[in-house]
Amino acid sequence: MGIEPPRLLGKLFPLYRRQYILHDADGDIWFFKEKTDNATYARYSLAGKTLGGIFSRTYSAQLFCKFLCRDAAQQEVTVFIEDIVSSKRGRHIGSWMVNRLLGLLRQAEGVVAIDRVYGDFRPDRADIAEKFFERFGFAVNVGRNSKQVVAALLADLQTVVVPDLVEIALEDVVKEWFQLVRKAPSGR
């Protein structure tokens, strides 16, 4: 029997959408959209980019996963990390994204049992990628075609500390903007 998408999780997925604003150590502001959908299969995506502009470069980052079931009874869901990439390395954006994924998976455990989380990658720097995944609790092995295979039970994974990266509450941004607008002289 083949692996199939989870029906129960797929029905719930269109309900989940969030946005985040981050500030990194270099002063860049990141805008992220996190969502689940069930267009072709049950999928999670977290994608973001910086403002960029005249004085700074635009950076981007994304993490994509799909959710699969091993049996027709759909008792356990397996999470396959399809891709994780950031054009700005060394600023913990990737770590923040994996932390967000783990947070969502722990919330979903109340709805469905999550068996394991795994992925396979062909990183530019295998040594850096290995350290990155091991910090979360993943076991790292070399698989077919020289790809690195990472795998772990959800219970064995932990979030990591993300220094110098601040999540900004959208509500606070709107409140500050509203106060500025109210104080600004009108041009009428």
C-alpha atoms as a PDB file:
ATOM      1  CA  MET A   1       0.000   0.000   0.000  1.00  0.00           C
ATOM      2  CA  GLY A   2       1.379   3.438  -0.963  1.00  0.00           C
ATOM      3  CA  ILE A   3       1.737   6.504   1.177  1.00  0.00           C
ATOM      4  CA  GLU A   4      -1.278   8.781   0.957  1.00  0.00           C
ATOM      5  CA  PRO A   5      -2.113  12.292   2.198  1.00  0.00           C
ATOM      6  CA  PRO A   6      -3.909  12.516   5.540  1.00  0.00           C
ATOM      7  CA  ARG A   7      -7.597  13.333   5.008  1.00  0.00           C
ATOM      8  CA  LEU A   8      -8.328  14.657   8.509  1.00  0.00           C
ATOM      9  CA  LEU A   9      -5.296  16.943   8.614  1.00  0.00           C
ATOM     10  CA  GLY A  10      -6.020  18.055   5.035  1.00  0.00           C
ATOM     11  CA  LYS A  11      -9.516  19.175   5.974  1.00  0.00           C
ATOM     12  CA  LEU A  12      -8.161  21.313   8.809  1.00  0.00           C
ATOM     13  CA  PHE A  13      -5.248  22.833   6.898  1.00  0.00           C
ATOM     14  CA  PRO A  14      -6.998  25.643   5.007  1.00  0.00           C
ATOM     15  CA  LEU A  15      -7.845  27.108   8.417  1.00  0.00           C
ATOM     16  CA  TYR A  16      -4.241  27.874   9.394  1.00  0.00           C
ATOM     17  CA  ARG A  17      -2.572  31.110   8.241  1.00  0.00           C
ATOM     18  CA  ARG A  18      -0.280  33.421  10.180  1.00  0.00           C
ATOM     19  CA  GLN A  19       2.043  36.304   9.463  1.00  0.00           C
ATOM     20  CA  TYR A  20       5.216  37.291  11.260  1.00  0.00           C
ATOM     21  CA  ILE A  21       7.512  40.276  11.293  1.00  0.00           C
ATOM     22  CA  LEU A  22      11.128  39.699  12.376  1.00  0.00           C
ATOM     23  CA  HIS A  23      14.065  41.982  13.009  1.00  0.00           C
ATOM     24  CA  ASP A  24      17.537  40.454  12.615  1.00  0.00           C
ATOM     25  CA  ALA A  25      20.933  41.479  14.018  1.00  0.00           C
ATOM     26  CA  ASP A  26      21.810  43.343  10.800  1.00  0.00           C
ATOM     27  CA  GLY A  27      18.715  45.532  11.100  1.00  0.00           C
ATOM     28  CA  ASP A  28      16.802  43.826   8.289  1.00  0.00           C
ATOM     29  CA  ILE A  29      13.035  43.513   8.662  1.00  0.00           C
ATOM     30  CA  TRP A  30      11.568  40.182   7.533  1.00  0.00           C
ATOM     31  CA  PHE A  31       7.948  39.509   6.565  1.00  0.00           C
ATOM     32  CA  PHE A  32       6.892  35.843   6.777  1.00  0.00           C
ATOM     33  CA  LYS A  33       3.682  34.088   5.772  1.00  0.00           C
ATOM     34  CA  GLU A  34       2.964  30.725   7.345  1.00  0.00           C
ATOM     35  CA  LYS A  35       0.157  28.551   6.040  1.00  0.00           C
ATOM     36  CA  THR A  36      -1.150  25.081   5.527  1.00  0.00           C
ATOM     37  CA  ASP A  37      -3.105  24.017   2.485  1.00  0.00           C
ATOM     38  CA  ASN A  38      -4.431  20.955   0.767  1.00  0.00           C
ATOM     39  CA  ALA A  39      -4.277  21.919  -2.917  1.00  0.00           C
ATOM     40  CA  THR A  40      -2.494  18.794  -4.214  1.00  0.00           C
ATOM     41  CA  TYR A  41      -1.593  17.254  -0.863  1.00  0.00           C
ATOM     42  CA  ALA A  42      -1.517  18.379   2.751  1.00  0.00           C
ATOM     43  CA  ARG A  43       1.338  20.886   2.880  1.00  0.00           C
ATOM     44  CA  TYR A  44       2.953  23.423   5.205  1.00  0.00           C
ATOM     45  CA  SER A  45       4.835  26.453   3.951  1.00  0.00           C
ATOM     46  CA  LEU A  46       6.687  29.251   5.681  1.00  0.00           C
ATOM     47  CA  ALA A  47       8.113  31.851   3.316  1.00  0.00           C
ATOM     48  CA  GLY A  48       9.512  35.295   3.904  1.00  0.00           C
ATOM     49  CA  LYS A  49      11.616  38.111   2.566  1.00  0.00           C
ATOM     50  CA  THR A  50      13.201  41.346   3.707  1.00  0.00           C
ATOM     51  CA  LEU A  51      12.117  44.793   2.631  1.00  0.00           C
ATOM     52  CA  GLY A  52      15.331  45.491   0.747  1.00  0.00           C
ATOM     53  CA  GLY A  53      15.527  48.668  -1.242  1.00  0.00           C
ATOM     54  CA  ILE A  54      18.088  51.244  -2.251  1.00  0.00           C
ATOM     55  CA  PHE A  55      20.474  50.762   0.665  1.00  0.00           C
ATOM     56  CA  SER A  56      20.132  47.044   1.374  1.00  0.00           C
ATOM     57  CA  ARG A  57      19.819  43.773  -0.476  1.00  0.00           C
ATOM     58  CA  THR A  58      16.584  41.779  -0.481  1.00  0.00           C
ATOM     59  CA  TYR A  59      16.853  38.351   1.161  1.00  0.00           C
ATOM     60  CA  SER A  60      14.416  35.466   1.128  1.00  0.00           C
ATOM     61  CA  ALA A  61      13.832  32.237   3.041  1.00  0.00           C
ATOM     62  CA  GLN A  62      11.402  29.354   2.828  1.00  0.00           C
ATOM     63  CA  LEU A  63      10.552  26.020   4.386  1.00  0.00           C
ATOM     64  CA  PHE A  64       8.153  23.550   2.767  1.00  0.00           C
ATOM     65  CA  CYS A  65       6.806  20.242   4.134  1.00  0.00           C
ATOM     66  CA  LYS A  66       4.267  17.697   3.061  1.00  0.00           C
ATOM     67  CA  PHE A  67       2.257  15.398   5.294  1.00  0.00           C
ATOM     68  CA  LEU A  68       1.818  11.717   4.445  1.00  0.00           C
ATOM     69  CA  CYS A  69       0.110   8.690   6.007  1.00  0.00           C
ATOM     70  CA  ARG A  70       1.556   5.192   5.938  1.00  0.00           C
ATOM     71  CA  ASP A  71      -1.722   3.322   6.172  1.00  0.00           C
ATOM     72  CA  ALA A  72      -5.326   3.545   5.010  1.00  0.00           C
ATOM     73  CA  ALA A  73      -6.525   3.957   8.604  1.00  0.00           C
ATOM     74  CA  GLN A  74      -4.535   7.225   8.731  1.00  0.00           C
ATOM     75  CA  GLN A  75      -3.426   6.554  12.285  1.00  0.00           C
ATOM     76  CA  GLU A  76      -0.034   8.244  12.000  1.00  0.00           C
ATOM     77  CA  VAL A  77       1.209  11.137   9.905  1.00  0.00           C
ATOM     78  CA  THR A  78       4.775  11.422   8.647  1.00  0.00           C
ATOM     79  CA  VAL A  79       6.213  14.872   7.920  1.00  0.00           C
ATOM     80  CA  PHE A  80       8.571  15.161   4.955  1.00  0.00           C
ATOM     81  CA  ILE A  81      10.656  18.352   4.820  1.00  0.00           C
ATOM     82  CA  GLU A  82      10.765  19.131   1.099  1.00  0.00           C
ATOM     83  CA  ASP A  83      13.004  22.182   1.253  1.00  0.00           C
ATOM     84  CA  ILE A  84      14.534  24.664   3.648  1.00  0.00           C
ATOM     85  CA  VAL A  85      16.635  27.499   2.310  1.00  0.00           C
ATOM     86  CA  SER A  86      17.682  31.012   3.269  1.00  0.00           C
ATOM     87  CA  SER A  87      19.620  33.458   1.130  1.00  0.00           C
ATOM     88  CA  LYS A  88      20.924  35.078   4.313  1.00  0.00           C
ATOM     89  CA  ARG A  89      22.983  32.548   6.225  1.00  0.00           C
ATOM     90  CA  GLY A  90      24.339  32.775   9.723  1.00  0.00           C
ATOM     91  CA  ARG A  91      21.511  34.939  11.097  1.00  0.00           C
ATOM     92  CA  HIS A  92      19.374  32.072  12.504  1.00  0.00           C
ATOM     93  CA  ILE A  93      16.518  32.530  10.042  1.00  0.00           C
ATOM     94  CA  GLY A  94      16.575  28.788   9.246  1.00  0.00           C
ATOM     95  CA  SER A  95      16.540  27.931  12.952  1.00  0.00           C
ATOM     96  CA  TRP A  96      13.574  30.218  13.522  1.00  0.00           C
ATOM     97  CA  MET A  97      11.714  28.533  10.649  1.00  0.00           C
ATOM     98  CA  VAL A  98      12.331  25.024  12.034  1.00  0.00           C
ATOM     99  CA  ASN A  99      11.226  26.243  15.498  1.00  0.00           C
ATOM    100  CA  ARG A 100       7.951  27.482  13.938  1.00  0.00           C
ATOM    101  CA  LEU A 101       7.433  24.131  12.184  1.00  0.00           C
ATOM    102  CA  LEU A 102       8.007  22.193  15.412  1.00  0.00           C
ATOM    103  CA  GLY A 103       5.548  24.477  17.224  1.00  0.00           C
ATOM    104  CA  LEU A 104       2.865  23.800  14.614  1.00  0.00           C
ATOM    105  CA  LEU A 105       3.508  20.043  14.694  1.00  0.00           C
ATOM    106  CA  ARG A 106       3.142  19.980  18.464  1.00  0.00           C
ATOM    107  CA  GLN A 107      -0.200  21.795  18.151  1.00  0.00           C
ATOM    108  CA  ALA A 108      -1.355  19.329  15.484  1.00  0.00           C
ATOM    109  CA  GLU A 109      -0.581  16.382  17.765  1.00  0.00           C
ATOM    110  CA  GLY A 110      -3.903  17.004  19.481  1.00  0.00           C
ATOM    111  CA  VAL A 111      -5.653  16.261  16.170  1.00  0.00           C
ATOM    112  CA  VAL A 112      -3.469  13.528  14.677  1.00  0.00           C
ATOM    113  CA  ALA A 113      -0.505  11.387  15.771  1.00  0.00           C
ATOM    114  CA  ILE A 114       2.727  12.498  14.114  1.00  0.00           C
ATOM    115  CA  ASP A 115       5.062   9.564  13.572  1.00  0.00           C
ATOM    116  CA  ARG A 116       8.315  11.118  12.434  1.00  0.00           C
ATOM    117  CA  VAL A 117       9.854  14.116  10.713  1.00  0.00           C
ATOM    118  CA  TYR A 118      12.381  13.524   7.952  1.00  0.00           C
ATOM    119  CA  GLY A 119      13.929  14.984   4.829  1.00  0.00           C
ATOM    120  CA  ASP A 120      16.788  14.552   2.394  1.00  0.00           C
ATOM    121  CA  PHE A 121      19.063  17.319   1.217  1.00  0.00           C
ATOM    122  CA  ARG A 122      22.064  17.934  -0.956  1.00  0.00           C
ATOM    123  CA  PRO A 123      23.567  20.903   0.904  1.00  0.00           C
ATOM    124  CA  ASP A 124      26.388  23.125  -0.300  1.00  0.00           C
ATOM    125  CA  ARG A 125      28.194  22.586   3.007  1.00  0.00           C
ATOM    126  CA  ALA A 126      27.388  19.150   4.442  1.00  0.00           C
ATOM    127  CA  ASP A 127      29.249  19.858   7.701  1.00  0.00           C
ATOM    128  CA  ILE A 128      27.206  23.000   8.418  1.00  0.00           C
ATOM    129  CA  ALA A 129      23.917  21.308   7.467  1.00  0.00           C
ATOM    130  CA  GLU A 130      24.711  18.359   9.751  1.00  0.00           C
ATOM    131  CA  LYS A 131      25.354  20.644  12.747  1.00  0.00           C
ATOM    132  CA  PHE A 132      22.203  22.617  11.944  1.00  0.00           C
ATOM    133  CA  PHE A 133      19.892  19.577  12.027  1.00  0.00           C
ATOM    134  CA  GLU A 134      21.620  17.864  14.953  1.00  0.00           C
ATOM    135  CA  ARG A 135      20.908  20.924  17.131  1.00  0.00           C
ATOM    136  CA  PHE A 136      17.189  20.117  16.848  1.00  0.00           C
ATOM    137  CA  GLY A 137      17.697  16.415  17.596  1.00  0.00           C
ATOM    138  CA  PHE A 138      17.700  14.996  14.071  1.00  0.00           C
ATOM    139  CA  ALA A 139      19.900  12.003  13.242  1.00  0.00           C
ATOM    140  CA  VAL A 140      21.878  12.685  10.061  1.00  0.00           C
ATOM    141  CA  ASN A 141      23.003   9.971   7.612  1.00  0.00           C
ATOM    142  CA  VAL A 142      24.197   9.884   4.029  1.00  0.00           C
ATOM    143  CA  GLY A 143      21.539   8.396   1.752  1.00  0.00           C
ATOM    144  CA  ARG A 144      21.242   7.609  -1.932  1.00  0.00           C
ATOM    145  CA  ASN A 145      22.887   9.934  -4.449  1.00  0.00           C
ATOM    146  CA  SER A 146      25.044  11.457  -1.676  1.00  0.00           C
ATOM    147  CA  LYS A 147      22.045  13.221  -0.157  1.00  0.00           C
ATOM    148  CA  GLN A 148      21.985  13.849   3.566  1.00  0.00           C
ATOM    149  CA  VAL A 149      18.994  12.193   5.203  1.00  0.00           C
ATOM    150  CA  VAL A 150      17.686  13.688   8.446  1.00  0.00           C
ATOM    151  CA  ALA A 151      15.080  11.919  10.574  1.00  0.00           C
ATOM    152  CA  ALA A 152      13.662  11.954  14.093  1.00  0.00           C
ATOM    153  CA  LEU A 153      10.544  11.199  16.077  1.00  0.00           C
ATOM    154  CA  LEU A 154       8.697  14.405  16.906  1.00  0.00           C
ATOM    155  CA  ALA A 155       9.088  13.624  20.625  1.00  0.00           C
ATOM    156  CA  ASP A 156      12.896  13.637  20.196  1.00  0.00           C
ATOM    157  CA  LEU A 157      13.029  17.076  18.578  1.00  0.00           C
ATOM    158  CA  GLN A 158      13.480  20.324  20.467  1.00  0.00           C
ATOM    159  CA  THR A 159      13.457  23.984  19.547  1.00  0.00           C
ATOM    160  CA  VAL A 160      16.715  25.917  19.729  1.00  0.00           C
ATOM    161  CA  VAL A 161      17.597  29.355  21.033  1.00  0.00           C
ATOM    162  CA  VAL A 162      17.568  31.963  18.285  1.00  0.00           C
ATOM    163  CA  PRO A 163      19.809  34.851  19.390  1.00  0.00           C
ATOM    164  CA  ASP A 164      19.604  38.328  17.899  1.00  0.00           C
ATOM    165  CA  LEU A 165      16.304  37.669  16.118  1.00  0.00           C
ATOM    166  CA  VAL A 166      13.275  39.502  17.441  1.00  0.00           C
ATOM    167  CA  GLU A 167       9.669  38.686  16.568  1.00  0.00           C
ATOM    168  CA  ILE A 168       7.655  41.889  16.310  1.00  0.00           C
ATOM    169  CA  ALA A 169       3.966  41.688  17.142  1.00  0.00           C
ATOM    170  CA  LEU A 170       1.873  42.955  14.237  1.00  0.00           C
ATOM    171  CA  GLU A 171      -0.570  44.527  16.683  1.00  0.00           C
ATOM    172  CA  ASP A 172       2.254  46.639  18.166  1.00  0.00           C
ATOM    173  CA  VAL A 173       3.302  47.842  14.706  1.00  0.00           C
ATOM    174  CA  VAL A 174      -0.250  48.947  13.905  1.00  0.00           C
ATOM    175  CA  LYS A 175      -0.632  50.708  17.282  1.00  0.00           C
ATOM    176  CA  GLU A 176       2.624  52.646  16.798  1.00  0.00           C
ATOM    177  CA  TRP A 177       1.672  53.561  13.231  1.00  0.00           C
ATOM    178  CA  PHE A 178      -1.747  54.757  14.389  1.00  0.00           C
ATOM    179  CA  GLN A 179      -0.174  56.943  17.092  1.00  0.00           C
ATOM    180  CA  LEU A 180       2.214  58.476  14.539  1.00  0.00           C
ATOM    181  CA  VAL A 181      -0.624  59.195  12.142  1.00  0.00           C
ATOM    182  CA  ARG A 182      -2.697  60.840  14.869  1.00  0.00           C
ATOM    183  CA  LYS A 183       0.236  63.066  15.903  1.00  0.00           C
ATOM    184  CA  ALA A 184       1.277  64.018  12.368  1.00  0.00           C
ATOM    185  CA  PRO A 185       0.135  67.435  11.200  1.00  0.00           C
ATOM    186  CA  SER A 186      -2.535  67.174   8.557  1.00  0.00           C
ATOM    187  CA  GLY A 187      -1.690  68.622   5.154  1.00  0.00           C
ATOM    188  CA  ARG A 188      -5.180  69.958   4.532  1.00  0.00           C
END
